[in-house]
């Protein structure tokens, strides 16, 4: 549990070349001052799993990946 607390103090934003497809941010209110419990970690991981995928372009800007639109025959 201490790993997340230590990570928070040295956190650097991800770089596009690192290869990721999910990204969430935790506000200060979502970061427990007494350290993370197992339940905290499970909730964060579930939130990450439930978050939309991101797409990072060559310029490093990100956006969510939208599902393809269904084509209407007509």
PDB file of N, CA and C in Angstrom:
ATOM      1  N   UNK A   1       0.808  -1.179   0.000  1.00  0.00           N
ATOM      2  CA  UNK A   1       0.000   0.000   0.000  1.00  0.00           C
ATOM      3  C   UNK A   1       0.865   1.261   0.000  1.00  0.00           C
ATOM      4  N   UNK A   2       2.023   1.156   0.592  1.00  0.00           N
ATOM      5  CA  UNK A   2       2.912   2.313   0.631  1.00  0.00           C
ATOM      6  C   UNK A   2       3.419   2.689  -0.757  1.00  0.00           C
ATOM      7  N   UNK A   3       3.378   1.733  -1.682  1.00  0.00           N
ATOM      8  CA  UNK A   3       3.879   1.995  -3.031  1.00  0.00           C
ATOM      9  C   UNK A   3       3.115   3.145  -3.684  1.00  0.00           C
ATOM     10  N   UNK A   4       1.781   3.128  -3.573  1.00  0.00           N
ATOM     11  CA  UNK A   4       1.000   4.212  -4.172  1.00  0.00           C
ATOM     12  C   UNK A   4       1.303   5.547  -3.519  1.00  0.00           C
ATOM     13  N   UNK A   5       1.495   5.554  -2.222  1.00  0.00           N
ATOM     14  CA  UNK A   5       1.817   6.798  -1.538  1.00  0.00           C
ATOM     15  C   UNK A   5       3.157   7.346  -2.021  1.00  0.00           C
ATOM     16  N   UNK A   6       4.142   6.486  -2.162  1.00  0.00           N
ATOM     17  CA  UNK A   6       5.450   6.924  -2.659  1.00  0.00           C
ATOM     18  C   UNK A   6       5.363   7.339  -4.120  1.00  0.00           C
ATOM     19  N   UNK A   7       4.605   6.604  -4.898  1.00  0.00           N
ATOM     20  CA  UNK A   7       4.445   6.922  -6.318  1.00  0.00           C
ATOM     21  C   UNK A   7       3.829   8.311  -6.497  1.00  0.00           C
ATOM     22  N   UNK A   8       2.852   8.638  -5.663  1.00  0.00           N
ATOM     23  CA  UNK A   8       2.167   9.927  -5.779  1.00  0.00           C
ATOM     24  C   UNK A   8       3.140  11.092  -5.643  1.00  0.00           C
ATOM     25  N   UNK A   9       4.152  10.958  -4.809  1.00  0.00           N
ATOM     26  CA  UNK A   9       5.093  12.059  -4.599  1.00  0.00           C
ATOM     27  C   UNK A   9       6.095  12.209  -5.743  1.00  0.00           C
ATOM     28  N   UNK A  10       6.283  11.181  -6.543  1.00  0.00           N
ATOM     29  CA  UNK A  10       7.244  11.247  -7.645  1.00  0.00           C
ATOM     30  C   UNK A  10       6.580  11.138  -9.011  1.00  0.00           C
ATOM     31  N   UNK A  11       5.271  11.248  -9.046  1.00  0.00           N
ATOM     32  CA  UNK A  11       4.499  11.042 -10.280  1.00  0.00           C
ATOM     33  C   UNK A  11       4.865  12.048 -11.366  1.00  0.00           C
ATOM     34  N   UNK A  12       5.069  11.533 -12.548  1.00  0.00           N
ATOM     35  CA  UNK A  12       5.258  12.340 -13.754  1.00  0.00           C
ATOM     36  C   UNK A  12       4.182  11.921 -14.736  1.00  0.00           C
ATOM     37  N   UNK A  13       3.645  12.872 -15.518  1.00  0.00           N
ATOM     38  CA  UNK A  13       2.613  12.499 -16.491  1.00  0.00           C
ATOM     39  C   UNK A  13       3.149  11.463 -17.485  1.00  0.00           C
ATOM     40  N   UNK A  14       2.297  10.552 -17.932  1.00  0.00           N
ATOM     41  CA  UNK A  14       2.754   9.541 -18.899  1.00  0.00           C
ATOM     42  C   UNK A  14       3.120  10.189 -20.225  1.00  0.00           C
ATOM     43  N   UNK A  15       4.060   9.576 -20.905  1.00  0.00           N
ATOM     44  CA  UNK A  15       4.480  10.048 -22.222  1.00  0.00           C
ATOM     45  C   UNK A  15       3.868   9.131 -23.278  1.00  0.00           C
ATOM     46  N   UNK A  16       3.516   9.663 -24.434  1.00  0.00           N
ATOM     47  CA  UNK A  16       2.874   8.841 -25.471  1.00  0.00           C
ATOM     48  C   UNK A  16       3.665   7.592 -25.829  1.00  0.00           C
ATOM     49  N   UNK A  17       4.967   7.658 -25.816  1.00  0.00           N
ATOM     50  CA  UNK A  17       5.781   6.501 -26.224  1.00  0.00           C
ATOM     51  C   UNK A  17       5.743   5.360 -25.199  1.00  0.00           C
ATOM     52  N   UNK A  18       5.173   5.611 -24.018  1.00  0.00           N
ATOM     53  CA  UNK A  18       5.124   4.566 -22.997  1.00  0.00           C
ATOM     54  C   UNK A  18       4.083   3.500 -23.299  1.00  0.00           C
ATOM     55  N   UNK A  19       3.141   3.807 -24.160  1.00  0.00           N
ATOM     56  CA  UNK A  19       2.150   2.825 -24.550  1.00  0.00           C
ATOM     57  C   UNK A  19       1.150   2.514 -23.456  1.00  0.00           C
ATOM     58  N   UNK A  20       0.065   3.188 -23.447  1.00  0.00           N
ATOM     59  CA  UNK A  20      -1.008   2.933 -22.492  1.00  0.00           C
ATOM     60  C   UNK A  20      -2.332   3.132 -23.201  1.00  0.00           C
ATOM     61  N   UNK A  21      -3.372   2.516 -22.679  1.00  0.00           N
ATOM     62  CA  UNK A  21      -4.679   2.703 -23.305  1.00  0.00           C
ATOM     63  C   UNK A  21      -5.756   3.095 -22.292  1.00  0.00           C
ATOM     64  N   UNK A  22      -5.383   3.220 -21.038  1.00  0.00           N
ATOM     65  CA  UNK A  22      -6.301   3.675 -19.997  1.00  0.00           C
ATOM     66  C   UNK A  22      -5.573   4.709 -19.152  1.00  0.00           C
ATOM     67  N   UNK A  23      -6.318   5.706 -18.703  1.00  0.00           N
ATOM     68  CA  UNK A  23      -5.710   6.760 -17.896  1.00  0.00           C
ATOM     69  C   UNK A  23      -6.792   7.388 -17.031  1.00  0.00           C
ATOM     70  N   UNK A  24      -6.550   7.447 -15.726  1.00  0.00           N
ATOM     71  CA  UNK A  24      -7.471   8.141 -14.830  1.00  0.00           C
ATOM     72  C   UNK A  24      -6.656   9.064 -13.940  1.00  0.00           C
ATOM     73  N   UNK A  25      -7.312  10.032 -13.362  1.00  0.00           N
ATOM     74  CA  UNK A  25      -6.683  10.934 -12.404  1.00  0.00           C
ATOM     75  C   UNK A  25      -7.415  10.820 -11.083  1.00  0.00           C
ATOM     76  N   UNK A  26      -6.666  10.893 -10.014  1.00  0.00           N
ATOM     77  CA  UNK A  26      -7.252  10.891  -8.685  1.00  0.00           C
ATOM     78  C   UNK A  26      -7.100  12.284  -8.101  1.00  0.00           C
ATOM     79  N   UNK A  27      -8.195  12.854  -7.634  1.00  0.00           N
ATOM     80  CA  UNK A  27      -8.124  14.157  -6.989  1.00  0.00           C
ATOM     81  C   UNK A  27      -7.491  13.993  -5.615  1.00  0.00           C
ATOM     82  N   UNK A  28      -7.097  15.096  -5.006  1.00  0.00           N
ATOM     83  CA  UNK A  28      -6.535  15.016  -3.660  1.00  0.00           C
ATOM     84  C   UNK A  28      -7.530  14.428  -2.677  1.00  0.00           C
ATOM     85  N   UNK A  29      -8.812  14.719  -2.874  1.00  0.00           N
ATOM     86  CA  UNK A  29      -9.841  14.160  -1.993  1.00  0.00           C
ATOM     87  C   UNK A  29      -9.951  12.646  -2.119  1.00  0.00           C
ATOM     88  N   UNK A  30      -9.547  12.090  -3.248  1.00  0.00           N
ATOM     89  CA  UNK A  30      -9.624  10.641  -3.471  1.00  0.00           C
ATOM     90  C   UNK A  30      -8.367   9.916  -2.993  1.00  0.00           C
ATOM     91  N   UNK A  31      -7.409  10.652  -2.461  1.00  0.00           N
ATOM     92  CA  UNK A  31      -6.157  10.060  -2.005  1.00  0.00           C
ATOM     93  C   UNK A  31      -6.126  10.081  -0.477  1.00  0.00           C
ATOM     94  N   UNK A  32      -6.253   8.925   0.146  1.00  0.00           N
ATOM     95  CA  UNK A  32      -6.311   8.879   1.614  1.00  0.00           C
ATOM     96  C   UNK A  32      -4.988   9.302   2.256  1.00  0.00           C
ATOM     97  N   UNK A  33      -5.085  10.123   3.284  1.00  0.00           N
ATOM     98  CA  UNK A  33      -3.871  10.607   3.957  1.00  0.00           C
ATOM     99  C   UNK A  33      -3.206   9.504   4.785  1.00  0.00           C
ATOM    100  N   UNK A  34      -3.981   8.516   5.207  1.00  0.00           N
ATOM    101  CA  UNK A  34      -3.439   7.436   6.046  1.00  0.00           C
ATOM    102  C   UNK A  34      -2.897   6.275   5.220  1.00  0.00           C
ATOM    103  N   UNK A  35      -2.870   6.403   3.906  1.00  0.00           N
ATOM    104  CA  UNK A  35      -2.404   5.317   3.051  1.00  0.00           C
ATOM    105  C   UNK A  35      -3.569   4.561   2.443  1.00  0.00           C
ATOM    106  N   UNK A  36      -3.280   3.743   1.474  1.00  0.00           N
ATOM    107  CA  UNK A  36      -4.293   3.014   0.727  1.00  0.00           C
ATOM    108  C   UNK A  36      -4.577   1.660   1.354  1.00  0.00           C
ATOM    109  N   UNK A  37      -5.839   1.350   1.460  1.00  0.00           N
ATOM    110  CA  UNK A  37      -6.229   0.016   1.929  1.00  0.00           C
ATOM    111  C   UNK A  37      -6.398  -0.891   0.713  1.00  0.00           C
ATOM    112  N   UNK A  38      -6.562  -2.145   0.964  1.00  0.00           N
ATOM    113  CA  UNK A  38      -6.812  -3.097  -0.124  1.00  0.00           C
ATOM    114  C   UNK A  38      -8.084  -2.710  -0.881  1.00  0.00           C
ATOM    115  N   UNK A  39      -9.111  -2.302  -0.143  1.00  0.00           N
ATOM    116  CA  UNK A  39     -10.381  -1.897  -0.768  1.00  0.00           C
ATOM    117  C   UNK A  39     -10.186  -0.652  -1.634  1.00  0.00           C
ATOM    118  N   UNK A  40      -9.348   0.298  -1.190  1.00  0.00           N
ATOM    119  CA  UNK A  40      -9.045   1.488  -1.992  1.00  0.00           C
ATOM    120  C   UNK A  40      -8.432   1.075  -3.326  1.00  0.00           C
ATOM    121  N   UNK A  41      -7.453   0.168  -3.253  1.00  0.00           N
ATOM    122  CA  UNK A  41      -6.771  -0.280  -4.472  1.00  0.00           C
ATOM    123  C   UNK A  41      -7.724  -0.996  -5.418  1.00  0.00           C
ATOM    124  N   UNK A  42      -8.556  -1.860  -4.873  1.00  0.00           N
ATOM    125  CA  UNK A  42      -9.517  -2.578  -5.717  1.00  0.00           C
ATOM    126  C   UNK A  42     -10.491  -1.612  -6.387  1.00  0.00           C
ATOM    127  N   UNK A  43     -10.924  -0.598  -5.661  1.00  0.00           N
ATOM    128  CA  UNK A  43     -11.842   0.394  -6.227  1.00  0.00           C
ATOM    129  C   UNK A  43     -11.165   1.207  -7.329  1.00  0.00           C
ATOM    130  N   UNK A  44      -9.911   1.571  -7.129  1.00  0.00           N
ATOM    131  CA  UNK A  44      -9.169   2.331  -8.149  1.00  0.00           C
ATOM    132  C   UNK A  44      -8.972   1.470  -9.390  1.00  0.00           C
ATOM    133  N   UNK A  45      -8.598   0.217  -9.206  1.00  0.00           N
ATOM    134  CA  UNK A  45      -8.403  -0.667 -10.349  1.00  0.00           C
ATOM    135  C   UNK A  45      -9.704  -0.893 -11.113  1.00  0.00           C
ATOM    136  N   UNK A  46     -10.820  -1.007 -10.399  1.00  0.00           N
ATOM    137  CA  UNK A  46     -12.109  -1.164 -11.068  1.00  0.00           C
ATOM    138  C   UNK A  46     -12.463   0.101 -11.841  1.00  0.00           C
ATOM    139  N   UNK A  47     -12.206   1.240 -11.241  1.00  0.00           N
ATOM    140  CA  UNK A  47     -12.459   2.511 -11.941  1.00  0.00           C
ATOM    141  C   UNK A  47     -11.619   2.600 -13.215  1.00  0.00           C
ATOM    142  N   UNK A  48     -10.371   2.148 -13.139  1.00  0.00           N
ATOM    143  CA  UNK A  48      -9.505   2.150 -14.318  1.00  0.00           C
ATOM    144  C   UNK A  48     -10.048   1.204 -15.387  1.00  0.00           C
ATOM    145  N   UNK A  49     -10.464   0.009 -14.984  1.00  0.00           N
ATOM    146  CA  UNK A  49     -11.038  -0.948 -15.944  1.00  0.00           C
ATOM    147  C   UNK A  49     -12.286  -0.381 -16.608  1.00  0.00           C
ATOM    148  N   UNK A  50     -13.091   0.357 -15.854  1.00  0.00           N
ATOM    149  CA  UNK A  50     -14.345   0.908 -16.372  1.00  0.00           C
ATOM    150  C   UNK A  50     -14.158   2.181 -17.197  1.00  0.00           C
ATOM    151  N   UNK A  51     -12.986   2.782 -17.150  1.00  0.00           N
ATOM    152  CA  UNK A  51     -12.756   4.045 -17.856  1.00  0.00           C
ATOM    153  C   UNK A  51     -12.623   3.791 -19.362  1.00  0.00           C
ATOM    154  N   UNK A  52     -12.966   4.803 -20.173  1.00  0.00           N
ATOM    155  CA  UNK A  52     -12.832   4.636 -21.626  1.00  0.00           C
ATOM    156  C   UNK A  52     -11.362   4.567 -22.037  1.00  0.00           C
ATOM    157  N   UNK A  53     -11.102   3.894 -23.128  1.00  0.00           N
ATOM    158  CA  UNK A  53      -9.743   3.852 -23.668  1.00  0.00           C
ATOM    159  C   UNK A  53      -9.374   5.220 -24.208  1.00  0.00           C
ATOM    160  N   UNK A  54      -8.095   5.529 -24.161  1.00  0.00           N
ATOM    161  CA  UNK A  54      -7.608   6.796 -24.710  1.00  0.00           C
ATOM    162  C   UNK A  54      -6.755   6.516 -25.930  1.00  0.00           C
ATOM    163  N   UNK A  55      -6.712   7.493 -26.794  1.00  0.00           N
ATOM    164  CA  UNK A  55      -5.887   7.416 -27.997  1.00  0.00           C
ATOM    165  C   UNK A  55      -4.906   8.570 -27.918  1.00  0.00           C
ATOM    166  N   UNK A  56      -3.644   8.296 -28.109  1.00  0.00           N
ATOM    167  CA  UNK A  56      -2.624   9.335 -28.057  1.00  0.00           C
ATOM    168  C   UNK A  56      -2.058   9.482 -29.458  1.00  0.00           C
ATOM    169  N   UNK A  57      -2.079  10.719 -29.972  1.00  0.00           N
ATOM    170  CA  UNK A  57      -1.547  10.939 -31.309  1.00  0.00           C
ATOM    171  C   UNK A  57      -0.060  11.295 -31.248  1.00  0.00           C
ATOM    172  N   UNK A  58       0.527  11.538 -32.387  1.00  0.00           N
ATOM    173  CA  UNK A  58       1.959  11.812 -32.473  1.00  0.00           C
ATOM    174  C   UNK A  58       2.352  13.080 -31.715  1.00  0.00           C
ATOM    175  N   UNK A  59       1.401  13.980 -31.491  1.00  0.00           N
ATOM    176  CA  UNK A  59       1.696  15.226 -30.788  1.00  0.00           C
ATOM    177  C   UNK A  59       1.525  15.081 -29.280  1.00  0.00           C
ATOM    178  N   UNK A  60       1.093  13.902 -28.840  1.00  0.00           N
ATOM    179  CA  UNK A  60       0.945  13.665 -27.421  1.00  0.00           C
ATOM    180  C   UNK A  60      -0.391  14.074 -26.849  1.00  0.00           C
ATOM    181  N   UNK A  61      -1.307  14.538 -27.706  1.00  0.00           N
ATOM    182  CA  UNK A  61      -2.624  14.878 -27.178  1.00  0.00           C
ATOM    183  C   UNK A  61      -3.465  13.620 -27.132  1.00  0.00           C
ATOM    184  N   UNK A  62      -4.360  13.593 -26.204  1.00  0.00           N
ATOM    185  CA  UNK A  62      -5.154  12.393 -26.017  1.00  0.00           C
ATOM    186  C   UNK A  62      -6.633  12.690 -26.156  1.00  0.00           C
ATOM    187  N   UNK A  63      -7.365  11.657 -26.440  1.00  0.00           N
ATOM    188  CA  UNK A  63      -8.812  11.732 -26.515  1.00  0.00           C
ATOM    189  C   UNK A  63      -9.368  10.340 -26.302  1.00  0.00           C
ATOM    190  N   UNK A  64     -10.643  10.262 -26.011  1.00  0.00           N
ATOM    191  CA  UNK A  64     -11.216   8.935 -25.816  1.00  0.00           C
ATOM    192  C   UNK A  64     -11.496   8.297 -27.163  1.00  0.00           C
ATOM    193  N   UNK A  65     -11.420   6.992 -27.199  1.00  0.00           N
ATOM    194  CA  UNK A  65     -11.721   6.253 -28.422  1.00  0.00           C
ATOM    195  C   UNK A  65     -13.220   6.019 -28.465  1.00  0.00           C
ATOM    196  N   UNK A  66     -13.832   6.496 -29.497  1.00  0.00           N
ATOM    197  CA  UNK A  66     -15.276   6.336 -29.658  1.00  0.00           C
ATOM    198  C   UNK A  66     -15.554   5.040 -30.408  1.00  0.00           C
ATOM    199  N   UNK A  67     -16.604   4.329 -30.005  1.00  0.00           N
ATOM    200  CA  UNK A  67     -16.945   3.119 -30.758  1.00  0.00           C
ATOM    201  C   UNK A  67     -17.382   3.496 -32.182  1.00  0.00           C
ATOM    202  N   UNK A  68     -17.129   2.626 -33.160  1.00  0.00           N
ATOM    203  CA  UNK A  68     -17.507   2.957 -34.541  1.00  0.00           C
ATOM    204  C   UNK A  68     -19.013   3.154 -34.668  1.00  0.00           C
ATOM    205  N   UNK A  69     -19.388   4.099 -35.512  1.00  0.00           N
ATOM    206  CA  UNK A  69     -20.803   4.355 -35.749  1.00  0.00           C
ATOM    207  C   UNK A  69     -21.374   3.284 -36.641  1.00  0.00           C
ATOM    208  N   UNK A  70     -22.607   2.909 -36.350  1.00  0.00           N
ATOM    209  CA  UNK A  70     -23.263   1.913 -37.192  1.00  0.00           C
ATOM    210  C   UNK A  70     -23.693   2.590 -38.477  1.00  0.00           C
ATOM    211  N   UNK A  71     -23.443   1.917 -39.578  1.00  0.00           N
ATOM    212  CA  UNK A  71     -23.811   2.448 -40.876  1.00  0.00           C
ATOM    213  C   UNK A  71     -25.295   2.180 -41.125  1.00  0.00           C
ATOM    214  N   UNK A  72     -25.996   3.206 -41.563  1.00  0.00           N
ATOM    215  CA  UNK A  72     -27.417   3.082 -41.825  1.00  0.00           C
ATOM    216  C   UNK A  72     -27.605   2.801 -43.314  1.00  0.00           C
ATOM    217  N   UNK A  73     -28.272   1.703 -43.633  1.00  0.00           N
ATOM    218  CA  UNK A  73     -28.546   1.395 -45.025  1.00  0.00           C
ATOM    219  C   UNK A  73     -29.666   2.310 -45.518  1.00  0.00           C
ATOM    220  N   UNK A  74     -29.521   2.826 -46.672  1.00  0.00           N
ATOM    221  CA  UNK A  74     -30.587   3.706 -47.108  1.00  0.00           C
ATOM    222  C   UNK A  74     -30.374   4.162 -48.440  1.00  0.00           C
TER     223      UNK A  74
END
